[in-house]
Amino acid sequence: MTQNHDRSLGRREQRRFWLGWSAALVGTLLLVGLITLPPFVSSPLRWEIYGGFSFVCHQIPARSPHIDGVMLAVCHRCYGIYWGLPLAVLAFLLLRPWSGWLGRSARWLVPLSLVPMSIDWGGEVLGLWTNTPWSRLLTGGGFGLVAGVYLARAVIDLVVNRGQQVSLAQEVDV
């Protein structure tokens, strides 16, 4: 019986892994879709979407992507970040063998992923060069990839480990 229990537990954890991974992928793709939606909706809804993302992005028209002359909900750099998230969730499947190392390395990988954005921005501010839509998109995308790996890991861990605290509390008779 114990052997059957172990097999079913493994299958249950596997199902939870895929549920968490799917939730992370769908959630990040929905964000990208929402950001890309303004050119395809009516003006009142477009302004609601802009308003929602105004809390996280400056939305300067000259620094934002456009489709058919209509600005998307975020700037080029933020668009790169948001696109990096679902790409990282997909890549997470390949990175699973290094999950432990990634967890231990977060304290330096996340700040390191901010360096290219900082250099791109700082060079512009100091007048050393003019950054471009592509430099902003790619440097944002680099950060989005790193952040997306940790987002995927967190969502998966949340789903895989859900209920364990309750079970532990029940065992201790809390």
Foldseek 3Di string as FASTA:
>chain_A
DVVVVVVVLVVLLVVLLVVLLVCQLVVLVVVLCLQACLVPDDPVVNVVSLVVCVVPAVPDVVQADDDPNHGGSHGLLVSLLSVLQNVLSVCLVVCVVCVVVLVVCVVPQLVVLCVQVCCQVVCVVVVVDHHDSVSSNVSSNSNSNSVNSVVSVVSSCCRSCPPVVVVVCVVVVD
